[in-house]
Amino acid sequence: MTGDDRVRLFCALRLPGGVLDGLERWQDDLRGGRRVPRQNLHVTLAFLGLRPAGDVEGVGEALREAASACREQMVLSPARYRETRSVGMLVLADRADRAFALADDLHGRLERLGAYEPEARRWLPHVTVLRFRERPRLDPPLPPLGEFVPSDAAVYLSRLSPGGAQYEVLDSVALGG
């Protein structure tokens, strides 16, 4: 990539292996769409869309700064299943709103960088688990994941393809410095 190339970017929390294992088992019972593969399961913090490749370094720095400002561990857990017109998601409870605080801090940093335009709605911690053309209107029981702590945060490159998006981690950072 050169600085002038356009790349599709987002920042996300990565999930620990045990949570990914549990989500995969739970997805086995979801019918009516295309499962999101294990390597694409994450909690989006900020979707940036098409950006100049030269922005990657600044986005990574903004994520590092926001992640290092997290002084207390964030704890997430399954709260409910939700569908939009094209995706099924597992909405997460965010004990003490620590993940929300990280997302809010990151949004501000990215906005000051000129790389992000905040959405009008409040950030919602969730994992997209299913994609579909017609809503299957599922009402599955929640996966038995219990509470968990994200493993880290990352800047992702997203490449669109006929078989679905392919994600590549460009930079990952520990939470809490």
C-alpha atoms as a PDB file:
ATOM      1  CA  MET A   1       0.000   0.000   0.000  1.00  0.00           C
ATOM      2  CA  THR A   2       1.165   3.489  -0.728  1.00  0.00           C
ATOM      3  CA  GLY A   3       0.044   6.627   1.097  1.00  0.00           C
ATOM      4  CA  ASP A   4      -2.357   7.504  -1.729  1.00  0.00           C
ATOM      5  CA  ASP A   5      -4.088   4.104  -1.880  1.00  0.00           C
ATOM      6  CA  ARG A   6      -7.557   3.900  -0.337  1.00  0.00           C
ATOM      7  CA  VAL A   7      -8.072   1.211   2.298  1.00  0.00           C
ATOM      8  CA  ARG A   8     -11.146   0.151   4.267  1.00  0.00           C
ATOM      9  CA  LEU A   9     -10.359   0.393   7.995  1.00  0.00           C
ATOM     10  CA  PHE A  10     -11.947  -0.248  11.361  1.00  0.00           C
ATOM     11  CA  CYS A  11     -10.834  -0.561  14.977  1.00  0.00           C
ATOM     12  CA  ALA A  12     -12.110  -3.394  17.139  1.00  0.00           C
ATOM     13  CA  LEU A  13     -11.744  -5.365  20.334  1.00  0.00           C
ATOM     14  CA  ARG A  14     -10.464  -8.884  19.770  1.00  0.00           C
ATOM     15  CA  LEU A  15     -12.016 -11.809  21.596  1.00  0.00           C
ATOM     16  CA  PRO A  16     -10.194 -14.467  23.613  1.00  0.00           C
ATOM     17  CA  GLY A  17      -9.986 -18.006  22.226  1.00  0.00           C
ATOM     18  CA  GLY A  18     -12.478 -19.496  24.691  1.00  0.00           C
ATOM     19  CA  VAL A  19     -15.099 -16.908  23.720  1.00  0.00           C
ATOM     20  CA  LEU A  20     -14.487 -17.603  20.029  1.00  0.00           C
ATOM     21  CA  ASP A  21     -14.899 -21.342  20.709  1.00  0.00           C
ATOM     22  CA  GLY A  22     -18.212 -20.696  22.488  1.00  0.00           C
ATOM     23  CA  LEU A  23     -19.482 -18.417  19.731  1.00  0.00           C
ATOM     24  CA  GLU A  24     -18.680 -21.002  17.073  1.00  0.00           C
ATOM     25  CA  ARG A  25     -20.588 -23.710  18.972  1.00  0.00           C
ATOM     26  CA  TRP A  26     -23.537 -21.316  19.403  1.00  0.00           C
ATOM     27  CA  GLN A  27     -23.499 -20.379  15.703  1.00  0.00           C
ATOM     28  CA  ASP A  28     -23.964 -24.074  14.844  1.00  0.00           C
ATOM     29  CA  ASP A  29     -27.621 -23.708  15.914  1.00  0.00           C
ATOM     30  CA  LEU A  30     -28.292 -20.432  14.077  1.00  0.00           C
ATOM     31  CA  ARG A  31     -30.225 -21.014  10.840  1.00  0.00           C
ATOM     32  CA  GLY A  32     -31.286 -18.674   8.105  1.00  0.00           C
ATOM     33  CA  GLY A  33     -28.098 -16.946   7.066  1.00  0.00           C
ATOM     34  CA  ARG A  34     -24.373 -17.142   6.546  1.00  0.00           C
ATOM     35  CA  ARG A  35     -22.251 -17.567   9.667  1.00  0.00           C
ATOM     36  CA  VAL A  36     -19.547 -14.995  10.266  1.00  0.00           C
ATOM     37  CA  PRO A  37     -16.315 -17.025  10.361  1.00  0.00           C
ATOM     38  CA  ARG A  38     -14.270 -17.251  13.547  1.00  0.00           C
ATOM     39  CA  GLN A  39     -11.460 -15.045  12.183  1.00  0.00           C
ATOM     40  CA  ASN A  40     -13.992 -12.224  11.584  1.00  0.00           C
ATOM     41  CA  LEU A  41     -15.637 -12.242  15.035  1.00  0.00           C
ATOM     42  CA  HIS A  42     -14.830  -9.040  16.942  1.00  0.00           C
ATOM     43  CA  VAL A  43     -16.423  -6.038  18.695  1.00  0.00           C
ATOM     44  CA  THR A  44     -16.182  -3.006  16.404  1.00  0.00           C
ATOM     45  CA  LEU A  45     -15.081   0.154  18.191  1.00  0.00           C
ATOM     46  CA  ALA A  46     -15.088   2.461  15.152  1.00  0.00           C
ATOM     47  CA  PHE A  47     -15.727   1.819  11.455  1.00  0.00           C
ATOM     48  CA  LEU A  48     -13.698   4.303   9.407  1.00  0.00           C
ATOM     49  CA  GLY A  49     -14.582   3.186   5.885  1.00  0.00           C
ATOM     50  CA  LEU A  50     -12.334   4.066   2.971  1.00  0.00           C
ATOM     51  CA  ARG A  51      -9.315   6.043   4.117  1.00  0.00           C
ATOM     52  CA  PRO A  52      -5.977   6.974   2.567  1.00  0.00           C
ATOM     53  CA  ALA A  53      -3.410   4.279   3.419  1.00  0.00           C
ATOM     54  CA  GLY A  54      -1.315   7.075   4.929  1.00  0.00           C
ATOM     55  CA  ASP A  55      -3.900   7.299   7.761  1.00  0.00           C
ATOM     56  CA  VAL A  56      -3.074   3.822   9.099  1.00  0.00           C
ATOM     57  CA  GLU A  57      -0.223   5.012  11.317  1.00  0.00           C
ATOM     58  CA  GLY A  58      -2.280   7.821  12.869  1.00  0.00           C
ATOM     59  CA  VAL A  59      -5.251   5.506  13.434  1.00  0.00           C
ATOM     60  CA  GLY A  60      -2.938   3.019  15.142  1.00  0.00           C
ATOM     61  CA  GLU A  61      -1.532   5.753  17.359  1.00  0.00           C
ATOM     62  CA  ALA A  62      -5.037   6.940  18.305  1.00  0.00           C
ATOM     63  CA  LEU A  63      -5.968   3.370  19.232  1.00  0.00           C
ATOM     64  CA  ARG A  64      -2.741   2.923  21.265  1.00  0.00           C
ATOM     65  CA  GLU A  65      -3.419   6.142  23.186  1.00  0.00           C
ATOM     66  CA  ALA A  66      -7.065   5.284  23.880  1.00  0.00           C
ATOM     67  CA  ALA A  67      -6.198   1.705  24.884  1.00  0.00           C
ATOM     68  CA  SER A  68      -3.414   2.813  27.207  1.00  0.00           C
ATOM     69  CA  ALA A  69      -5.844   5.196  28.932  1.00  0.00           C
ATOM     70  CA  CYS A  70      -7.981   2.190  29.971  1.00  0.00           C
ATOM     71  CA  ARG A  71      -6.930   1.811  33.588  1.00  0.00           C
ATOM     72  CA  GLU A  72      -9.629  -0.632  34.649  1.00  0.00           C
ATOM     73  CA  GLN A  73     -10.436  -3.945  33.052  1.00  0.00           C
ATOM     74  CA  MET A  74     -13.488  -4.017  30.809  1.00  0.00           C
ATOM     75  CA  VAL A  75     -15.854  -6.918  31.376  1.00  0.00           C
ATOM     76  CA  LEU A  76     -18.351  -7.979  28.724  1.00  0.00           C
ATOM     77  CA  SER A  77     -21.067 -10.640  28.700  1.00  0.00           C
ATOM     78  CA  PRO A  78     -23.917 -11.739  26.397  1.00  0.00           C
ATOM     79  CA  ALA A  79     -27.040  -9.594  26.894  1.00  0.00           C
ATOM     80  CA  ARG A  80     -29.383 -10.352  23.954  1.00  0.00           C
ATOM     81  CA  TYR A  81     -29.618 -11.408  20.328  1.00  0.00           C
ATOM     82  CA  ARG A  82     -30.648  -8.694  17.840  1.00  0.00           C
ATOM     83  CA  GLU A  83     -31.286  -8.590  14.102  1.00  0.00           C
ATOM     84  CA  THR A  84     -31.121  -5.707  11.665  1.00  0.00           C
ATOM     85  CA  ARG A  85     -32.183  -5.990   8.042  1.00  0.00           C
ATOM     86  CA  SER A  86     -28.928  -7.768   7.087  1.00  0.00           C
ATOM     87  CA  VAL A  87     -27.128  -9.070  10.192  1.00  0.00           C
ATOM     88  CA  GLY A  88     -27.706 -11.007  13.383  1.00  0.00           C
ATOM     89  CA  MET A  89     -25.662  -9.919  16.373  1.00  0.00           C
ATOM     90  CA  LEU A  90     -24.936 -10.804  19.943  1.00  0.00           C
ATOM     91  CA  VAL A  91     -25.334  -7.588  21.930  1.00  0.00           C
ATOM     92  CA  LEU A  92     -23.011  -7.426  24.918  1.00  0.00           C
ATOM     93  CA  ALA A  93     -23.493  -6.036  28.399  1.00  0.00           C
ATOM     94  CA  ASP A  94     -20.624  -3.724  29.336  1.00  0.00           C
ATOM     95  CA  ARG A  95     -20.115  -3.791  33.089  1.00  0.00           C
ATOM     96  CA  ALA A  96     -19.325  -0.254  34.331  1.00  0.00           C
ATOM     97  CA  ASP A  97     -19.383   1.081  30.718  1.00  0.00           C
ATOM     98  CA  ARG A  98     -15.613   0.632  30.380  1.00  0.00           C
ATOM     99  CA  ALA A  99     -15.787  -0.553  26.770  1.00  0.00           C
ATOM    100  CA  PHE A 100     -18.074   2.394  26.033  1.00  0.00           C
ATOM    101  CA  ALA A 101     -15.478   4.742  27.609  1.00  0.00           C
ATOM    102  CA  LEU A 102     -12.767   3.267  25.354  1.00  0.00           C
ATOM    103  CA  ALA A 103     -14.965   3.632  22.250  1.00  0.00           C
ATOM    104  CA  ASP A 104     -15.900   7.206  23.187  1.00  0.00           C
ATOM    105  CA  ASP A 105     -12.255   8.168  23.793  1.00  0.00           C
ATOM    106  CA  LEU A 106     -11.185   6.536  20.518  1.00  0.00           C
ATOM    107  CA  HIS A 107     -13.987   8.270  18.583  1.00  0.00           C
ATOM    108  CA  GLY A 108     -12.808  11.656  19.850  1.00  0.00           C
ATOM    109  CA  ARG A 109      -9.179  10.954  18.960  1.00  0.00           C
ATOM    110  CA  LEU A 110     -10.098   9.704  15.484  1.00  0.00           C
ATOM    111  CA  GLU A 111     -12.418  12.649  14.896  1.00  0.00           C
ATOM    112  CA  ARG A 112      -9.637  15.113  15.813  1.00  0.00           C
ATOM    113  CA  LEU A 113      -7.395  13.229  13.397  1.00  0.00           C
ATOM    114  CA  GLY A 114     -10.011  13.776  10.667  1.00  0.00           C
ATOM    115  CA  ALA A 115     -10.369  10.025  10.147  1.00  0.00           C
ATOM    116  CA  TYR A 116     -13.797   9.455  11.691  1.00  0.00           C
ATOM    117  CA  GLU A 117     -17.243  10.952  11.714  1.00  0.00           C
ATOM    118  CA  PRO A 118     -19.164   9.863  14.827  1.00  0.00           C
ATOM    119  CA  GLU A 119     -22.462   8.097  14.340  1.00  0.00           C
ATOM    120  CA  ALA A 120     -25.626   9.752  15.601  1.00  0.00           C
ATOM    121  CA  ARG A 121     -26.594   6.736  17.698  1.00  0.00           C
ATOM    122  CA  ARG A 122     -24.855   5.575  20.858  1.00  0.00           C
ATOM    123  CA  TRP A 123     -22.130   2.968  20.367  1.00  0.00           C
ATOM    124  CA  LEU A 124     -23.443  -0.550  20.972  1.00  0.00           C
ATOM    125  CA  PRO A 125     -21.003  -3.313  21.959  1.00  0.00           C
ATOM    126  CA  HIS A 126     -21.867  -6.342  19.827  1.00  0.00           C
ATOM    127  CA  VAL A 127     -20.451  -9.206  17.805  1.00  0.00           C
ATOM    128  CA  THR A 128     -21.927  -9.746  14.349  1.00  0.00           C
ATOM    129  CA  VAL A 129     -22.486 -13.509  14.096  1.00  0.00           C
ATOM    130  CA  LEU A 130     -24.754 -13.943  11.063  1.00  0.00           C
ATOM    131  CA  ARG A 131     -25.353 -12.229   7.713  1.00  0.00           C
ATOM    132  CA  PHE A 132     -28.485 -12.691   5.615  1.00  0.00           C
ATOM    133  CA  ARG A 133     -30.584 -11.330   2.750  1.00  0.00           C
ATOM    134  CA  GLU A 134     -33.903 -11.945   4.502  1.00  0.00           C
ATOM    135  CA  ARG A 135     -34.299 -11.617   8.252  1.00  0.00           C
ATOM    136  CA  PRO A 136     -34.797 -15.077   9.727  1.00  0.00           C
ATOM    137  CA  ARG A 137     -36.330 -13.539  12.881  1.00  0.00           C
ATOM    138  CA  LEU A 138     -34.435 -15.844  15.203  1.00  0.00           C
ATOM    139  CA  ASP A 139     -34.837 -15.880  18.955  1.00  0.00           C
ATOM    140  CA  PRO A 140     -31.977 -18.111  20.093  1.00  0.00           C
ATOM    141  CA  PRO A 141     -30.968 -18.668  23.696  1.00  0.00           C
ATOM    142  CA  LEU A 142     -27.827 -16.751  24.596  1.00  0.00           C
ATOM    143  CA  PRO A 143     -24.509 -18.572  24.359  1.00  0.00           C
ATOM    144  CA  PRO A 144     -23.145 -19.679  27.741  1.00  0.00           C
ATOM    145  CA  LEU A 145     -20.047 -17.481  27.590  1.00  0.00           C
ATOM    146  CA  GLY A 146     -20.319 -15.838  30.999  1.00  0.00           C
ATOM    147  CA  GLU A 147     -18.295 -12.699  31.599  1.00  0.00           C
ATOM    148  CA  PHE A 148     -15.104 -12.178  29.628  1.00  0.00           C
ATOM    149  CA  VAL A 149     -12.370  -9.630  29.039  1.00  0.00           C
ATOM    150  CA  PRO A 150     -11.347  -8.707  25.469  1.00  0.00           C
ATOM    151  CA  SER A 151      -7.861  -9.951  24.623  1.00  0.00           C
ATOM    152  CA  ASP A 152      -6.679  -6.699  23.010  1.00  0.00           C
ATOM    153  CA  ALA A 153      -7.672  -4.075  20.424  1.00  0.00           C
ATOM    154  CA  ALA A 154      -6.645  -3.849  16.783  1.00  0.00           C
ATOM    155  CA  VAL A 155      -6.714  -1.774  13.628  1.00  0.00           C
ATOM    156  CA  TYR A 156      -8.121  -3.922  10.828  1.00  0.00           C
ATOM    157  CA  LEU A 157      -7.932  -3.747   7.068  1.00  0.00           C
ATOM    158  CA  SER A 158     -11.152  -4.987   5.449  1.00  0.00           C
ATOM    159  CA  ARG A 159     -11.101  -6.344   1.908  1.00  0.00           C
ATOM    160  CA  LEU A 160     -14.479  -6.961   0.276  1.00  0.00           C
ATOM    161  CA  SER A 161     -14.860 -10.062  -1.886  1.00  0.00           C
ATOM    162  CA  PRO A 162     -17.757 -12.069  -3.360  1.00  0.00           C
ATOM    163  CA  GLY A 163     -17.360 -14.645  -0.567  1.00  0.00           C
ATOM    164  CA  GLY A 164     -17.520 -12.011   2.165  1.00  0.00           C
ATOM    165  CA  ALA A 165     -15.129  -9.567   3.769  1.00  0.00           C
ATOM    166  CA  GLN A 166     -11.591 -10.645   4.625  1.00  0.00           C
ATOM    167  CA  TYR A 167     -10.028  -8.942   7.639  1.00  0.00           C
ATOM    168  CA  GLU A 168      -6.344  -8.417   8.337  1.00  0.00           C
ATOM    169  CA  VAL A 169      -4.920  -7.059  11.583  1.00  0.00           C
ATOM    170  CA  LEU A 170      -2.575  -4.172  10.775  1.00  0.00           C
ATOM    171  CA  ASP A 171      -1.747  -3.211  14.355  1.00  0.00           C
ATOM    172  CA  SER A 172      -2.760  -4.618  17.739  1.00  0.00           C
ATOM    173  CA  VAL A 173      -2.431  -3.048  21.157  1.00  0.00           C
ATOM    174  CA  ALA A 174      -2.821  -4.217  24.726  1.00  0.00           C
ATOM    175  CA  LEU A 175      -5.609  -2.719  26.777  1.00  0.00           C
ATOM    176  CA  GLY A 176      -4.453  -0.652  29.736  1.00  0.00           C
ATOM    177  CA  GLY A 177      -1.084   0.129  28.196  1.00  0.00           C
END
